[in-house]
C-alpha atoms as a PDB file:
ATOM      1  CA  MET A   1     110.846 113.680 104.944  1.00  0.00           C
ATOM      2  CA  THR A   2     113.966 111.363 105.218  1.00  0.00           C
ATOM      3  CA  ALA A   3     114.481 107.787 106.615  1.00  0.00           C
ATOM      4  CA  ALA A   4     116.219 109.379 109.709  1.00  0.00           C
ATOM      5  CA  ASP A   5     112.876 111.598 110.005  1.00  0.00           C
ATOM      6  CA  PRO A   6     110.107 109.218 109.541  1.00  0.00           C
ATOM      7  CA  PRO A   7     106.484 110.772 109.164  1.00  0.00           C
ATOM      8  CA  ASP A   8     104.492 111.433 112.227  1.00  0.00           C
ATOM      9  CA  ILE A   9     101.236 109.400 111.275  1.00  0.00           C
ATOM     10  CA  SER A  10      99.245 110.632 114.280  1.00  0.00           C
ATOM     11  CA  LYS A  11     100.079 114.079 113.500  1.00  0.00           C
ATOM     12  CA  LEU A  12      99.252 113.992 109.904  1.00  0.00           C
ATOM     13  CA  PHE A  13      96.043 112.104 110.652  1.00  0.00           C
ATOM     14  CA  ALA A  14      95.129 115.219 112.878  1.00  0.00           C
ATOM     15  CA  SER A  15      95.816 117.493 110.518  1.00  0.00           C
ATOM     16  CA  VAL A  16      93.537 115.685 107.899  1.00  0.00           C
ATOM     17  CA  GLN A  17      90.674 115.660 110.472  1.00  0.00           C
ATOM     18  CA  SER A  18      91.023 119.315 110.975  1.00  0.00           C
ATOM     19  CA  HIS A  19      89.697 119.778 107.259  1.00  0.00           C
ATOM     20  CA  MET A  20      86.002 120.110 107.127  1.00  0.00           C
ATOM     21  CA  LEU A  21      85.544 117.631 104.160  1.00  0.00           C
ATOM     22  CA  LEU A  22      87.872 114.975 106.121  1.00  0.00           C
ATOM     23  CA  ALA A  23      86.385 115.644 109.632  1.00  0.00           C
ATOM     24  CA  HIS A  24      84.539 112.270 109.895  1.00  0.00           C
ATOM     25  CA  LEU A  25      87.235 110.161 107.999  1.00  0.00           C
ATOM     26  CA  SER A  26      88.027 106.812 110.390  1.00  0.00           C
ATOM     27  CA  PHE A  27      91.788 106.083 110.758  1.00  0.00           C
ATOM     28  CA  ASN A  28      90.757 102.757 109.126  1.00  0.00           C
ATOM     29  CA  ASN A  29      90.081 104.366 105.851  1.00  0.00           C
ATOM     30  CA  PHE A  30      93.007 106.735 106.064  1.00  0.00           C
ATOM     31  CA  VAL A  31      95.342 104.056 106.385  1.00  0.00           C
ATOM     32  CA  THR A  32      93.594 102.016 103.562  1.00  0.00           C
ATOM     33  CA  PHE A  33      93.746 105.444 101.455  1.00  0.00           C
ATOM     34  CA  LEU A  34      97.770 105.424 102.046  1.00  0.00           C
ATOM     35  CA  CYS A  35      98.228 101.737 101.460  1.00  0.00           C
ATOM     36  CA  HIS A  36      95.866 101.613  98.106  1.00  0.00           C
ATOM     37  CA  ALA A  37      97.687 104.787  96.934  1.00  0.00           C
ATOM     38  CA  LYS A  38     101.132 103.297  97.472  1.00  0.00           C
ATOM     39  CA  ILE A  39     100.131 100.344  95.614  1.00  0.00           C
ATOM     40  CA  LEU A  40      98.984 102.706  92.670  1.00  0.00           C
ATOM     41  CA  LYS A  41     102.312 104.817  92.561  1.00  0.00           C
ATOM     42  CA  GLU A  42     103.256 103.655  89.115  1.00  0.00           C
ATOM     43  CA  ASP A  43      99.659 103.944  87.955  1.00  0.00           C
ATOM     44  CA  ILE A  44      99.722 107.775  89.394  1.00  0.00           C
ATOM     45  CA  LEU A  45     102.875 108.466  87.503  1.00  0.00           C
ATOM     46  CA  GLN A  46     102.376 107.024  84.193  1.00  0.00           C
ATOM     47  CA  PRO A  47      99.765 109.649  82.751  1.00  0.00           C
ATOM     48  CA  GLN A  48     101.792 112.324  84.025  1.00  0.00           C
ATOM     49  CA  PRO A  49     103.315 114.617  81.455  1.00  0.00           C
ATOM     50  CA  TYR A  50     106.875 114.324  80.666  1.00  0.00           C
ATOM     51  CA  ASN A  51     107.928 117.057  82.727  1.00  0.00           C
ATOM     52  CA  VAL A  52     106.725 115.869  86.093  1.00  0.00           C
ATOM     53  CA  SER A  53     109.490 114.625  88.296  1.00  0.00           C
ATOM     54  CA  ILE A  54     109.298 110.841  89.211  1.00  0.00           C
ATOM     55  CA  PHE A  55     110.721 111.841  92.729  1.00  0.00           C
ATOM     56  CA  CYS A  56     107.812 114.014  93.736  1.00  0.00           C
ATOM     57  CA  ALA A  57     104.271 113.146  94.257  1.00  0.00           C
ATOM     58  CA  PRO A  58     102.052 114.415  91.612  1.00  0.00           C
ATOM     59  CA  ASP A  59      99.540 117.408  92.519  1.00  0.00           C
ATOM     60  CA  PHE A  60      96.753 115.689  90.933  1.00  0.00           C
ATOM     61  CA  LEU A  61      95.797 111.964  90.595  1.00  0.00           C
ATOM     62  CA  PRO A  62      94.340 110.394  87.253  1.00  0.00           C
ATOM     63  CA  GLN A  63      90.996 109.870  86.878  1.00  0.00           C
ATOM     64  CA  SER A  64      90.929 106.309  87.293  1.00  0.00           C
ATOM     65  CA  VAL A  65      93.090 106.356  90.319  1.00  0.00           C
ATOM     66  CA  ALA A  66      90.852 108.758  91.753  1.00  0.00           C
ATOM     67  CA  ALA A  67      87.729 106.856  90.971  1.00  0.00           C
ATOM     68  CA  PHE A  68      89.049 103.572  92.183  1.00  0.00           C
ATOM     69  CA  LEU A  69      90.108 105.192  95.567  1.00  0.00           C
ATOM     70  CA  ALA A  70      86.455 106.849  95.976  1.00  0.00           C
ATOM     71  CA  ALA A  71      84.694 103.942  95.106  1.00  0.00           C
ATOM     72  CA  SER A  72      87.017 101.292  97.219  1.00  0.00           C
ATOM     73  CA  LEU A  73      86.561 103.687 100.051  1.00  0.00           C
ATOM     74  CA  ASP A  74      83.136 104.894  99.530  1.00  0.00           C
ATOM     75  CA  MET A  75      84.045 108.268  99.275  1.00  0.00           C
ATOM     76  CA  LEU A  76      83.421 111.441  97.017  1.00  0.00           C
ATOM     77  CA  LEU A  77      85.725 112.276  94.579  1.00  0.00           C
ATOM     78  CA  ASP A  78      86.196 115.719  95.989  1.00  0.00           C
ATOM     79  CA  ILE A  79      87.077 114.067  99.107  1.00  0.00           C
ATOM     80  CA  VAL A  80      89.841 111.905  97.441  1.00  0.00           C
ATOM     81  CA  ASP A  81      91.195 115.073  95.886  1.00  0.00           C
ATOM     82  CA  VAL A  82      91.454 116.714  99.191  1.00  0.00           C
ATOM     83  CA  LEU A  83      93.013 113.451 100.818  1.00  0.00           C
ATOM     84  CA  TRP A  84      95.500 113.161  98.189  1.00  0.00           C
ATOM     85  CA  SER A  85      96.613 116.689  99.051  1.00  0.00           C
ATOM     86  CA  PHE A  86      97.608 116.086 102.602  1.00  0.00           C
ATOM     87  CA  THR A  87      98.724 112.794 102.157  1.00  0.00           C
ATOM     88  CA  LYS A  88     100.802 112.858  98.718  1.00  0.00           C
ATOM     89  CA  ASP A  89     104.055 113.587 100.053  1.00  0.00           C
ATOM     90  CA  ILE A  90     103.918 110.661 102.769  1.00  0.00           C
ATOM     91  CA  VAL A  91     102.658 108.178  99.883  1.00  0.00           C
ATOM     92  CA  TRP A  92     105.401 109.024  97.709  1.00  0.00           C
ATOM     93  CA  GLU A  93     108.021 108.202 100.319  1.00  0.00           C
ATOM     94  CA  LEU A  94     106.296 104.587 101.242  1.00  0.00           C
ATOM     95  CA  PRO A  95     108.284 101.875  99.811  1.00  0.00           C
ATOM     96  CA  SER A  96     106.343 100.019  96.656  1.00  0.00           C
ATOM     97  CA  SER A  97     104.550  96.855  97.348  1.00  0.00           C
ATOM     98  CA  THR A  98     107.747  95.102  95.465  1.00  0.00           C
ATOM     99  CA  GLU A  99     110.288  96.828  97.794  1.00  0.00           C
ATOM    100  CA  ALA A 100     108.116  96.129 101.057  1.00  0.00           C
ATOM    101  CA  SER A 101     107.855  92.470 100.057  1.00  0.00           C
ATOM    102  CA  ALA A 102     111.586  92.383  99.593  1.00  0.00           C
ATOM    103  CA  ASP A 103     112.363  93.865 102.913  1.00  0.00           C
ATOM    104  CA  ASP A 104     109.700  91.685 104.516  1.00  0.00           C
ATOM    105  CA  VAL A 105     111.329  88.448 103.019  1.00  0.00           C
ATOM    106  CA  ASP A 106     114.820  89.871 104.213  1.00  0.00           C
ATOM    107  CA  ALA A 107     113.459  90.572 107.794  1.00  0.00           C
ATOM    108  CA  PHE A 108     111.650  87.140 107.994  1.00  0.00           C
ATOM    109  CA  ARG A 109     114.934  85.116 106.848  1.00  0.00           C
ATOM    110  CA  THR A 110     117.202  87.035 109.014  1.00  0.00           C
ATOM    111  CA  TYR A 111     115.533  87.389 112.335  1.00  0.00           C
ATOM    112  CA  GLY A 112     112.237  84.924 112.028  1.00  0.00           C
ATOM    113  CA  HIS A 113     113.029  81.599 110.351  1.00  0.00           C
ATOM    114  CA  GLU A 114     114.835  80.100 113.749  1.00  0.00           C
ATOM    115  CA  LEU A 115     111.685  81.634 115.718  1.00  0.00           C
ATOM    116  CA  GLY A 116     109.254  79.801 113.512  1.00  0.00           C
ATOM    117  CA  LEU A 117     108.081  82.822 111.759  1.00  0.00           C
ATOM    118  CA  THR A 118     108.125  83.153 107.889  1.00  0.00           C
ATOM    119  CA  LYS A 119     106.186  85.723 105.802  1.00  0.00           C
ATOM    120  CA  TYR A 120     103.979  83.027 104.545  1.00  0.00           C
ATOM    121  CA  THR A 121     102.737  80.610 107.454  1.00  0.00           C
ATOM    122  CA  LEU A 122     100.066  78.178 106.570  1.00  0.00           C
ATOM    123  CA  TYR A 123      97.232  77.943 108.800  1.00  0.00           C
ATOM    124  CA  PRO A 124      94.474  75.564 108.571  1.00  0.00           C
ATOM    125  CA  PRO A 125      91.033  77.219 107.290  1.00  0.00           C
ATOM    126  CA  ILE A 126      89.104  76.013 110.393  1.00  0.00           C
ATOM    127  CA  LYS A 127      89.577  76.906 113.928  1.00  0.00           C
ATOM    128  CA  ILE A 128      87.212  74.677 115.538  1.00  0.00           C
ATOM    129  CA  CYS A 129      86.804  70.843 115.354  1.00  0.00           C
ATOM    130  CA  ALA A 130      84.614  69.765 112.309  1.00  0.00           C
ATOM    131  CA  ASN A 131      83.347  66.963 114.034  1.00  0.00           C
ATOM    132  CA  HIS A 132      79.850  67.696 115.501  1.00  0.00           C
ATOM    133  CA  GLU A 133      79.935  64.718 117.921  1.00  0.00           C
ATOM    134  CA  CYS A 134      83.188  65.950 119.538  1.00  0.00           C
ATOM    135  CA  THR A 135      82.905  67.456 122.898  1.00  0.00           C
ATOM    136  CA  ALA A 136      85.371  69.922 121.896  1.00  0.00           C
ATOM    137  CA  TRP A 137      83.065  70.833 118.939  1.00  0.00           C
ATOM    138  CA  GLN A 138      80.063  71.145 121.178  1.00  0.00           C
ATOM    139  CA  CYS A 139      81.830  73.451 123.812  1.00  0.00           C
ATOM    140  CA  GLY A 140      83.050  75.569 120.914  1.00  0.00           C
ATOM    141  CA  SER A 141      86.875  74.967 122.078  1.00  0.00           C
ATOM    142  CA  LEU A 142      89.349  75.950 119.631  1.00  0.00           C
ATOM    143  CA  LEU A 143      92.185  73.945 117.825  1.00  0.00           C
ATOM    144  CA  LYS A 144      94.854  75.093 119.926  1.00  0.00           C
ATOM    145  CA  LYS A 145      97.477  72.139 120.332  1.00  0.00           C
ATOM    146  CA  GLU A 146      99.965  73.084 117.460  1.00  0.00           C
ATOM    147  CA  GLU A 147     102.392  70.999 115.830  1.00  0.00           C
ATOM    148  CA  PRO A 148     104.623  73.268 113.470  1.00  0.00           C
ATOM    149  CA  CYS A 149     106.210  71.489 110.428  1.00  0.00           C
ATOM    150  CA  ARG A 150     109.167  72.959 108.206  1.00  0.00           C
ATOM    151  CA  ILE A 151     107.773  72.919 104.733  1.00  0.00           C
ATOM    152  CA  VAL A 152     108.974  74.207 101.179  1.00  0.00           C
ATOM    153  CA  LEU A 153     106.678  76.665  99.354  1.00  0.00           C
ATOM    154  CA  PHE A 154     106.552  76.706  95.681  1.00  0.00           C
ATOM    155  CA  THR A 155     105.519  80.218  94.201  1.00  0.00           C
ATOM    156  CA  HIS A 156     105.331  81.443  90.801  1.00  0.00           C
ATOM    157  CA  SER A 157     106.349  84.899  91.393  1.00  0.00           C
ATOM    158  CA  GLU A 158     109.139  84.204  94.444  1.00  0.00           C
ATOM    159  CA  ASP A 159     110.546  81.058  93.450  1.00  0.00           C
ATOM    160  CA  VAL A 160     111.037  78.445  96.371  1.00  0.00           C
ATOM    161  CA  LYS A 161     110.716  79.567  99.732  1.00  0.00           C
ATOM    162  CA  PRO A 162     111.414  77.713 103.255  1.00  0.00           C
ATOM    163  CA  ASP A 163     108.231  77.870 105.350  1.00  0.00           C
ATOM    164  CA  TRP A 164     106.134  76.339 108.247  1.00  0.00           C
ATOM    165  CA  THR A 165     102.632  74.986 108.564  1.00  0.00           C
ATOM    166  CA  LEU A 166     100.907  74.355 111.656  1.00  0.00           C
ATOM    167  CA  LEU A 167      98.868  71.150 112.396  1.00  0.00           C
ATOM    168  CA  THR A 168      96.242  72.238 115.030  1.00  0.00           C
ATOM    169  CA  LEU A 169      94.692  69.674 117.115  1.00  0.00           C
ATOM    170  CA  MET A 170      92.178  69.632 119.900  1.00  0.00           C
ATOM    171  CA  LYS A 171      93.879  68.395 123.198  1.00  0.00           C
ATOM    172  CA  ASN A 172      90.663  66.692 124.742  1.00  0.00           C
ATOM    173  CA  ALA A 173      88.747  65.977 121.576  1.00  0.00           C
ATOM    174  CA  ILE A 174      87.162  62.443 121.097  1.00  0.00           C
END
């Protein structure tokens, strides 16, 4: 599998579901398995013997990783082992979280900022008016009038970032 030949997730999922133990696996659990396994690539690789290549997915998961995947997805360890045998190569090709984050930042910086889109947009925690006497609250109307504001976000891990925040208002609130 190369960048020019991306994996066909639908074909992989179909082949996974053809296995007796995986026949009832939901697509959401399948994708979550891939995401969690991708995040754990270093944890998968570290306990492997020294002669296992870092460029190929190992055949077996460390016990701690298999136990985590089983618990977080509410599946048996046997199912995790079988699912790993189907997905290990694609997991190994997926970018690490750090690589994906850097790619995301570059994409938003290049294409999103002028459109008001950033990797981190701060939205208010509520979607309806908090005033119980407001007619908009009584009608269940959402806060939809947006006033975007450019801000500077200070982070510990990624330094200073340009960002947006949205002030949401009610059009007909009292």
